Amino acid sequence: INTGGTWLGINSNWFDVLNWCSGTIPNSTTDVVINGGTLNYPILTLGVGSVKNITINANASLIVLATTLQVAGTIINNGVFNATTGLIELNGSSAAQSIGGSMFVNKSINGLIISNPLGVNVSGLPNDNLVISDYLAFGNVNNAIINTGNNITLLSNALKTARVADITNNGINTGNNIVGKVVVERFIPPRRSWRMLTVPFQALPDVPTLNAAWQEGVVNTDFVFANNQNPSPGY
């Protein structure tokens, strides 16, 4: 006898009641378990899926394909969790939630939405970088904080460059914040041309100057090259 949120795998449709032990589609109060050994594994393609806690056991898989999975609790993955084209929305409300790159295939997701007013913590463990290929956003929430753990990369390639969406949602929300470092990539096509890579020039709190961001804070006044400071040789 399985618990109500256990996947049965009659087919791969998340929204088919026959696939769930309880005979009902999971919602934000359902603890979902996907075990190995079934004929089919869930592929979430249309609509918005919701769970409380989700556990993907060994030899099992979940694919979120071009749609959103809302998670109100924890993610435990010992199988395959593929959200490279999907969105993960963390929308709990009783405690801060956690996420890390190692939870997902290629440590990559298409998008991350923060809808938990108590915030989200990204794993700070080495080699647990979370790669976002489309966007990082806040839902309809105020004063939420995502602590990056210095472990988020906004991917840039020939197809597109990931971004941070308007954290105020066009002025509807206030107080949302990103704490910690984020690696922001910028894909440069392989052709010979002049390119200006820059940062804001206006002096603002917590906004780096051009000297701090691109010159490591060094000011060289000696015209003899051998005497110049170079805090990061090779860069």
C-alpha atoms as a PDB file:
ATOM      1  CA  ILE A   1       0.000   0.000   0.000  1.00  0.00           C
ATOM      2  CA  ASN A   2       1.521   3.269  -1.134  1.00  0.00           C
ATOM      3  CA  THR A   3       1.003   6.730   0.291  1.00  0.00           C
ATOM      4  CA  GLY A   4      -1.364   9.054  -1.541  1.00  0.00           C
ATOM      5  CA  GLY A   5       1.301  10.983  -3.435  1.00  0.00           C
ATOM      6  CA  THR A   6       3.087   7.917  -4.808  1.00  0.00           C
ATOM      7  CA  TRP A   7       3.507   7.757  -8.576  1.00  0.00           C
ATOM      8  CA  LEU A   8       2.102   4.592 -10.176  1.00  0.00           C
ATOM      9  CA  GLY A   9       3.309   5.130 -13.742  1.00  0.00           C
ATOM     10  CA  ILE A  10       0.339   3.941 -15.795  1.00  0.00           C
ATOM     11  CA  ASN A  11       1.458   6.511 -18.359  1.00  0.00           C
ATOM     12  CA  SER A  12       3.678   9.645 -18.239  1.00  0.00           C
ATOM     13  CA  ASN A  13       0.908  12.269 -17.800  1.00  0.00           C
ATOM     14  CA  TRP A  14       1.339  14.119 -14.494  1.00  0.00           C
ATOM     15  CA  PHE A  15      -2.321  15.191 -14.570  1.00  0.00           C
ATOM     16  CA  ASP A  16      -3.824  11.739 -15.111  1.00  0.00           C
ATOM     17  CA  VAL A  17      -5.411  10.633 -11.817  1.00  0.00           C
ATOM     18  CA  LEU A  18      -4.679   6.994 -12.706  1.00  0.00           C
ATOM     19  CA  ASN A  19      -0.981   7.709 -12.158  1.00  0.00           C
ATOM     20  CA  TRP A  20      -1.415   8.595  -8.483  1.00  0.00           C
ATOM     21  CA  CYS A  21      -2.092   6.173  -5.664  1.00  0.00           C
ATOM     22  CA  SER A  22      -4.663   8.468  -4.083  1.00  0.00           C
ATOM     23  CA  GLY A  23      -6.528   8.941  -7.353  1.00  0.00           C
ATOM     24  CA  THR A  24      -6.060  12.705  -7.067  1.00  0.00           C
ATOM     25  CA  ILE A  25      -3.590  15.127  -8.655  1.00  0.00           C
ATOM     26  CA  PRO A  26      -0.942  16.363  -6.176  1.00  0.00           C
ATOM     27  CA  ASN A  27      -1.220  19.880  -4.803  1.00  0.00           C
ATOM     28  CA  SER A  28       0.843  22.092  -2.485  1.00  0.00           C
ATOM     29  CA  THR A  29      -0.013  19.878   0.520  1.00  0.00           C
ATOM     30  CA  THR A  30       0.939  16.555  -1.131  1.00  0.00           C
ATOM     31  CA  ASP A  31       4.194  14.756  -0.424  1.00  0.00           C
ATOM     32  CA  VAL A  32       5.113  13.208  -3.763  1.00  0.00           C
ATOM     33  CA  VAL A  33       7.270  10.088  -4.108  1.00  0.00           C
ATOM     34  CA  ILE A  34       8.468   8.774  -7.464  1.00  0.00           C
ATOM     35  CA  ASN A  35       9.902   5.285  -7.134  1.00  0.00           C
ATOM     36  CA  GLY A  36      11.963   3.300  -9.590  1.00  0.00           C
ATOM     37  CA  GLY A  37      10.562   0.187 -11.218  1.00  0.00           C
ATOM     38  CA  THR A  38       7.433   1.632 -12.837  1.00  0.00           C
ATOM     39  CA  LEU A  39       6.643   1.362 -16.541  1.00  0.00           C
ATOM     40  CA  ASN A  40       6.465   5.137 -17.043  1.00  0.00           C
ATOM     41  CA  TYR A  41       7.798   8.206 -15.290  1.00  0.00           C
ATOM     42  CA  PRO A  42       6.162  11.644 -15.111  1.00  0.00           C
ATOM     43  CA  ILE A  43       6.688  14.255 -17.796  1.00  0.00           C
ATOM     44  CA  LEU A  44       5.154  17.603 -16.874  1.00  0.00           C
ATOM     45  CA  THR A  45       4.411  19.387 -20.154  1.00  0.00           C
ATOM     46  CA  LEU A  46       1.247  21.449 -19.739  1.00  0.00           C
ATOM     47  CA  GLY A  47      -0.279  23.323 -16.824  1.00  0.00           C
ATOM     48  CA  VAL A  48       1.393  23.982 -13.483  1.00  0.00           C
ATOM     49  CA  GLY A  49       2.309  21.074 -11.241  1.00  0.00           C
ATOM     50  CA  SER A  50       2.321  21.493  -7.466  1.00  0.00           C
ATOM     51  CA  VAL A  51       3.797  19.477  -4.602  1.00  0.00           C
ATOM     52  CA  LYS A  52       4.780  19.952  -0.996  1.00  0.00           C
ATOM     53  CA  ASN A  53       7.853  17.737  -0.628  1.00  0.00           C
ATOM     54  CA  ILE A  54       9.083  15.708  -3.576  1.00  0.00           C
ATOM     55  CA  THR A  55      11.332  12.642  -3.490  1.00  0.00           C
ATOM     56  CA  ILE A  56      12.738  11.063  -6.650  1.00  0.00           C
ATOM     57  CA  ASN A  57      14.211   7.698  -5.731  1.00  0.00           C
ATOM     58  CA  ALA A  58      16.949   5.722  -7.473  1.00  0.00           C
ATOM     59  CA  ASN A  59      16.196   4.632 -11.063  1.00  0.00           C
ATOM     60  CA  ALA A  60      13.249   7.051 -11.243  1.00  0.00           C
ATOM     61  CA  SER A  61      12.926  10.305 -13.157  1.00  0.00           C
ATOM     62  CA  LEU A  62      10.910  13.495 -13.512  1.00  0.00           C
ATOM     63  CA  ILE A  63      10.998  15.813 -16.518  1.00  0.00           C
ATOM     64  CA  VAL A  64       9.616  19.354 -16.310  1.00  0.00           C
ATOM     65  CA  LEU A  65       9.256  20.366 -19.941  1.00  0.00           C
ATOM     66  CA  ALA A  66       8.572  24.013 -20.816  1.00  0.00           C
ATOM     67  CA  THR A  67       6.219  24.537 -17.858  1.00  0.00           C
ATOM     68  CA  THR A  68       6.345  25.099 -14.086  1.00  0.00           C
ATOM     69  CA  LEU A  69       6.629  22.843 -11.064  1.00  0.00           C
ATOM     70  CA  GLN A  70       5.752  24.547  -7.781  1.00  0.00           C
ATOM     71  CA  VAL A  71       7.481  23.118  -4.708  1.00  0.00           C
ATOM     72  CA  ALA A  72       6.323  24.233  -1.266  1.00  0.00           C
ATOM     73  CA  GLY A  73       8.759  22.079   0.713  1.00  0.00           C
ATOM     74  CA  THR A  74      11.914  20.107   0.012  1.00  0.00           C
ATOM     75  CA  ILE A  75      13.463  18.417  -3.014  1.00  0.00           C
ATOM     76  CA  ILE A  76      15.216  15.061  -2.546  1.00  0.00           C
ATOM     77  CA  ASN A  77      16.629  13.603  -5.729  1.00  0.00           C
ATOM     78  CA  ASN A  78      18.391  10.255  -5.935  1.00  0.00           C
ATOM     79  CA  GLY A  79      17.331   9.658  -9.524  1.00  0.00           C
ATOM     80  CA  VAL A  80      16.968  12.015 -12.501  1.00  0.00           C
ATOM     81  CA  PHE A  81      15.351  15.457 -12.231  1.00  0.00           C
ATOM     82  CA  ASN A  82      15.400  17.217 -15.595  1.00  0.00           C
ATOM     83  CA  ALA A  83      14.272  20.858 -15.616  1.00  0.00           C
ATOM     84  CA  THR A  84      16.655  22.134 -18.284  1.00  0.00           C
ATOM     85  CA  THR A  85      13.664  23.567 -20.160  1.00  0.00           C
ATOM     86  CA  GLY A  86      11.352  23.945 -17.156  1.00  0.00           C
ATOM     87  CA  LEU A  87      10.695  26.412 -14.369  1.00  0.00           C
ATOM     88  CA  ILE A  88      10.990  25.650 -10.664  1.00  0.00           C
ATOM     89  CA  GLU A  89       8.917  27.868  -8.370  1.00  0.00           C
ATOM     90  CA  LEU A  90       9.670  27.661  -4.656  1.00  0.00           C
ATOM     91  CA  ASN A  91       6.459  28.805  -2.990  1.00  0.00           C
ATOM     92  CA  GLY A  92       6.571  27.553   0.590  1.00  0.00           C
ATOM     93  CA  SER A  93       5.540  29.821   3.433  1.00  0.00           C
ATOM     94  CA  SER A  94       6.422  28.080   6.708  1.00  0.00           C
ATOM     95  CA  ALA A  95      10.235  28.109   6.399  1.00  0.00           C
ATOM     96  CA  ALA A  96      13.006  29.136   4.030  1.00  0.00           C
ATOM     97  CA  GLN A  97      13.613  26.615   1.254  1.00  0.00           C
ATOM     98  CA  SER A  98      16.823  25.202  -0.183  1.00  0.00           C
ATOM     99  CA  ILE A  99      17.971  24.403  -3.692  1.00  0.00           C
ATOM    100  CA  GLY A 100      21.236  23.306  -5.288  1.00  0.00           C
ATOM    101  CA  GLY A 101      22.613  22.487  -8.701  1.00  0.00           C
ATOM    102  CA  SER A 102      23.216  18.830  -7.828  1.00  0.00           C
ATOM    103  CA  MET A 103      19.452  18.304  -7.591  1.00  0.00           C
ATOM    104  CA  PHE A 104      19.127  18.620 -11.374  1.00  0.00           C
ATOM    105  CA  VAL A 105      20.438  17.172 -14.620  1.00  0.00           C
ATOM    106  CA  ASN A 106      23.561  19.101 -15.686  1.00  0.00           C
ATOM    107  CA  LYS A 107      23.043  21.230 -12.553  1.00  0.00           C
ATOM    108  CA  SER A 108      20.852  23.375 -14.774  1.00  0.00           C
ATOM    109  CA  ILE A 109      17.281  24.675 -14.811  1.00  0.00           C
ATOM    110  CA  ASN A 110      15.571  26.985 -17.266  1.00  0.00           C
ATOM    111  CA  GLY A 111      14.173  29.338 -14.639  1.00  0.00           C
ATOM    112  CA  LEU A 112      13.845  29.859 -10.889  1.00  0.00           C
ATOM    113  CA  ILE A 113      10.968  31.760  -9.282  1.00  0.00           C
ATOM    114  CA  ILE A 114      11.149  32.810  -5.630  1.00  0.00           C
ATOM    115  CA  SER A 115       7.629  32.961  -4.155  1.00  0.00           C
ATOM    116  CA  ASN A 116       8.506  32.106  -0.562  1.00  0.00           C
ATOM    117  CA  PRO A 117       8.271  35.192   1.706  1.00  0.00           C
ATOM    118  CA  LEU A 118      10.794  33.595   4.072  1.00  0.00           C
ATOM    119  CA  GLY A 119      13.325  33.247   1.297  1.00  0.00           C
ATOM    120  CA  VAL A 120      15.449  30.656  -0.465  1.00  0.00           C
ATOM    121  CA  ASN A 121      18.982  29.443   0.241  1.00  0.00           C
ATOM    122  CA  VAL A 122      21.143  28.143  -2.586  1.00  0.00           C
ATOM    123  CA  SER A 123      23.676  25.492  -1.666  1.00  0.00           C
ATOM    124  CA  GLY A 124      27.106  26.907  -0.923  1.00  0.00           C
ATOM    125  CA  LEU A 125      28.843  23.556  -1.281  1.00  0.00           C
ATOM    126  CA  PRO A 126      31.762  23.265  -3.721  1.00  0.00           C
ATOM    127  CA  ASN A 127      30.813  21.976  -7.174  1.00  0.00           C
ATOM    128  CA  ASP A 128      27.110  22.560  -6.492  1.00  0.00           C
ATOM    129  CA  ASN A 129      26.679  25.551  -8.775  1.00  0.00           C
ATOM    130  CA  LEU A 130      23.112  26.158  -9.985  1.00  0.00           C
ATOM    131  CA  VAL A 131      23.031  27.197 -13.655  1.00  0.00           C
ATOM    132  CA  ILE A 132      20.002  29.217 -14.798  1.00  0.00           C
ATOM    133  CA  SER A 133      19.581  29.396 -18.560  1.00  0.00           C
ATOM    134  CA  ASP A 134      16.609  31.767 -18.877  1.00  0.00           C
ATOM    135  CA  TYR A 135      15.697  33.860 -15.840  1.00  0.00           C
ATOM    136  CA  LEU A 136      15.683  34.343 -12.083  1.00  0.00           C
ATOM    137  CA  ALA A 137      12.525  36.012 -10.798  1.00  0.00           C
ATOM    138  CA  PHE A 138      10.442  36.772  -7.741  1.00  0.00           C
ATOM    139  CA  GLY A 139       6.764  35.887  -7.619  1.00  0.00           C
ATOM    140  CA  ASN A 140       4.027  37.949  -5.981  1.00  0.00           C
ATOM    141  CA  VAL A 141       5.914  38.262  -2.712  1.00  0.00           C
ATOM    142  CA  ASN A 142       7.462  41.036  -0.621  1.00  0.00           C
ATOM    143  CA  ASN A 143      10.707  41.168   1.391  1.00  0.00           C
ATOM    144  CA  ALA A 144      11.859  37.776   0.092  1.00  0.00           C
ATOM    145  CA  ILE A 145      15.589  37.084  -0.070  1.00  0.00           C
ATOM    146  CA  ILE A 146      17.502  34.569  -2.141  1.00  0.00           C
ATOM    147  CA  ASN A 147      20.891  33.796  -0.623  1.00  0.00           C
ATOM    148  CA  THR A 148      22.940  32.700  -3.623  1.00  0.00           C
ATOM    149  CA  GLY A 149      25.651  30.899  -1.640  1.00  0.00           C
ATOM    150  CA  ASN A 150      27.918  32.431  -4.314  1.00  0.00           C
ATOM    151  CA  ASN A 151      26.722  29.462  -6.379  1.00  0.00           C
ATOM    152  CA  ILE A 152      24.440  30.771  -9.145  1.00  0.00           C
ATOM    153  CA  THR A 153      25.455  31.222 -12.777  1.00  0.00           C
ATOM    154  CA  LEU A 154      23.320  33.099 -15.298  1.00  0.00           C
ATOM    155  CA  LEU A 155      24.164  31.262 -18.491  1.00  0.00           C
ATOM    156  CA  SER A 156      24.935  32.982 -21.779  1.00  0.00           C
ATOM    157  CA  ASN A 157      25.348  31.166 -25.077  1.00  0.00           C
ATOM    158  CA  ALA A 158      24.731  31.688 -28.778  1.00  0.00           C
ATOM    159  CA  LEU A 159      20.982  31.213 -28.309  1.00  0.00           C
ATOM    160  CA  LYS A 160      20.241  33.513 -25.363  1.00  0.00           C
ATOM    161  CA  THR A 161      21.542  35.170 -22.217  1.00  0.00           C
ATOM    162  CA  ALA A 162      19.912  34.521 -18.850  1.00  0.00           C
ATOM    163  CA  ARG A 163      18.626  37.507 -16.899  1.00  0.00           C
ATOM    164  CA  VAL A 164      17.239  38.681 -13.589  1.00  0.00           C
ATOM    165  CA  ALA A 165      13.620  39.699 -14.046  1.00  0.00           C
ATOM    166  CA  ASP A 166      12.156  42.854 -12.486  1.00  0.00           C
ATOM    167  CA  ILE A 167      12.202  41.985  -8.772  1.00  0.00           C
ATOM    168  CA  THR A 168       9.389  44.491  -8.142  1.00  0.00           C
ATOM    169  CA  ASN A 169       7.117  42.997 -10.829  1.00  0.00           C
ATOM    170  CA  ASN A 170       6.483  46.436 -12.297  1.00  0.00           C
ATOM    171  CA  GLY A 171       6.211  48.081  -8.878  1.00  0.00           C
ATOM    172  CA  ILE A 172       3.732  45.622  -7.388  1.00  0.00           C
ATOM    173  CA  ASN A 173       6.216  44.147  -4.880  1.00  0.00           C
ATOM    174  CA  THR A 174       8.844  45.670  -2.593  1.00  0.00           C
ATOM    175  CA  GLY A 175      11.792  44.583  -0.488  1.00  0.00           C
ATOM    176  CA  ASN A 176      12.859  41.563  -2.537  1.00  0.00           C
ATOM    177  CA  ASN A 177      16.612  41.102  -2.620  1.00  0.00           C
ATOM    178  CA  ILE A 178      19.472  38.957  -3.879  1.00  0.00           C
ATOM    179  CA  VAL A 179      22.262  38.370  -1.347  1.00  0.00           C
ATOM    180  CA  GLY A 180      25.588  36.904  -2.424  1.00  0.00           C
ATOM    181  CA  LYS A 181      27.571  36.690  -5.624  1.00  0.00           C
ATOM    182  CA  VAL A 182      26.176  35.664  -8.999  1.00  0.00           C
ATOM    183  CA  VAL A 183      28.269  34.786 -12.048  1.00  0.00           C
ATOM    184  CA  VAL A 184      26.840  36.655 -15.040  1.00  0.00           C
ATOM    185  CA  GLU A 185      28.079  35.287 -18.333  1.00  0.00           C
ATOM    186  CA  ARG A 186      28.128  37.125 -21.641  1.00  0.00           C
ATOM    187  CA  PHE A 187      28.486  35.147 -24.857  1.00  0.00           C
ATOM    188  CA  ILE A 188      30.708  36.854 -27.441  1.00  0.00           C
ATOM    189  CA  PRO A 189      30.365  35.688 -31.067  1.00  0.00           C
ATOM    190  CA  PRO A 190      33.675  34.634 -32.677  1.00  0.00           C
ATOM    191  CA  ARG A 191      34.231  37.513 -35.053  1.00  0.00           C
ATOM    192  CA  ARG A 192      36.736  40.338 -35.034  1.00  0.00           C
ATOM    193  CA  SER A 193      35.078  43.525 -33.839  1.00  0.00           C
ATOM    194  CA  TRP A 194      35.256  46.099 -31.074  1.00  0.00           C
ATOM    195  CA  ARG A 195      33.197  45.311 -27.978  1.00  0.00           C
ATOM    196  CA  MET A 196      32.646  47.366 -24.860  1.00  0.00           C
ATOM    197  CA  LEU A 197      32.102  45.302 -21.701  1.00  0.00           C
ATOM    198  CA  THR A 198      31.256  47.552 -18.806  1.00  0.00           C
ATOM    199  CA  VAL A 199      29.521  48.117 -15.506  1.00  0.00           C
ATOM    200  CA  PRO A 200      27.500  51.101 -14.208  1.00  0.00           C
ATOM    201  CA  PHE A 201      29.645  54.219 -13.959  1.00  0.00           C
ATOM    202  CA  GLN A 202      27.466  56.054 -11.443  1.00  0.00           C
ATOM    203  CA  ALA A 203      28.686  55.677  -7.854  1.00  0.00           C
ATOM    204  CA  LEU A 204      25.903  53.939  -5.930  1.00  0.00           C
ATOM    205  CA  PRO A 205      25.871  51.862  -2.736  1.00  0.00           C
ATOM    206  CA  ASP A 206      26.882  48.254  -3.485  1.00  0.00           C
ATOM    207  CA  VAL A 207      27.503  49.050  -7.168  1.00  0.00           C
ATOM    208  CA  PRO A 208      31.132  48.432  -8.181  1.00  0.00           C
ATOM    209  CA  THR A 209      33.090  51.047 -10.034  1.00  0.00           C
ATOM    210  CA  LEU A 210      34.791  50.240 -13.317  1.00  0.00           C
ATOM    211  CA  ASN A 211      38.105  50.171 -11.459  1.00  0.00           C
ATOM    212  CA  ALA A 212      36.813  47.750  -8.813  1.00  0.00           C
ATOM    213  CA  ALA A 213      35.016  45.467 -11.254  1.00  0.00           C
ATOM    214  CA  TRP A 214      37.506  45.282 -14.117  1.00  0.00           C
ATOM    215  CA  GLN A 215      40.849  46.464 -12.700  1.00  0.00           C
ATOM    216  CA  GLU A 216      40.791  44.710  -9.306  1.00  0.00           C
ATOM    217  CA  GLY A 217      40.934  48.114  -7.595  1.00  0.00           C
ATOM    218  CA  VAL A 218      44.488  48.773  -8.797  1.00  0.00           C
ATOM    219  CA  VAL A 219      45.641  52.207  -9.928  1.00  0.00           C
ATOM    220  CA  ASN A 220      48.978  52.185 -11.726  1.00  0.00           C
ATOM    221  CA  THR A 221      50.781  55.486 -12.223  1.00  0.00           C
ATOM    222  CA  ASP A 222      54.199  54.125 -13.217  1.00  0.00           C
ATOM    223  CA  PHE A 223      54.695  54.080 -16.971  1.00  0.00           C
ATOM    224  CA  VAL A 224      57.329  51.360 -16.602  1.00  0.00           C
ATOM    225  CA  PHE A 225      55.333  48.203 -17.239  1.00  0.00           C
ATOM    226  CA  ALA A 226      57.574  46.032 -15.085  1.00  0.00           C
ATOM    227  CA  ASN A 227      56.726  48.151 -12.040  1.00  0.00           C
ATOM    228  CA  ASN A 228      52.949  47.896 -12.418  1.00  0.00           C
ATOM    229  CA  GLN A 229      50.864  46.008  -9.898  1.00  0.00           C
ATOM    230  CA  ASN A 230      49.040  42.911 -11.140  1.00  0.00           C
ATOM    231  CA  PRO A 231      47.022  41.215  -8.391  1.00  0.00           C
ATOM    232  CA  SER A 232      45.761  38.502 -10.760  1.00  0.00           C
ATOM    233  CA  PRO A 233      48.513  37.421 -13.140  1.00  0.00           C
ATOM    234  CA  GLY A 234      47.175  35.843 -16.288  1.00  0.00           C
ATOM    235  CA  TYR A 235      43.942  37.844 -16.325  1.00  0.00           C
END
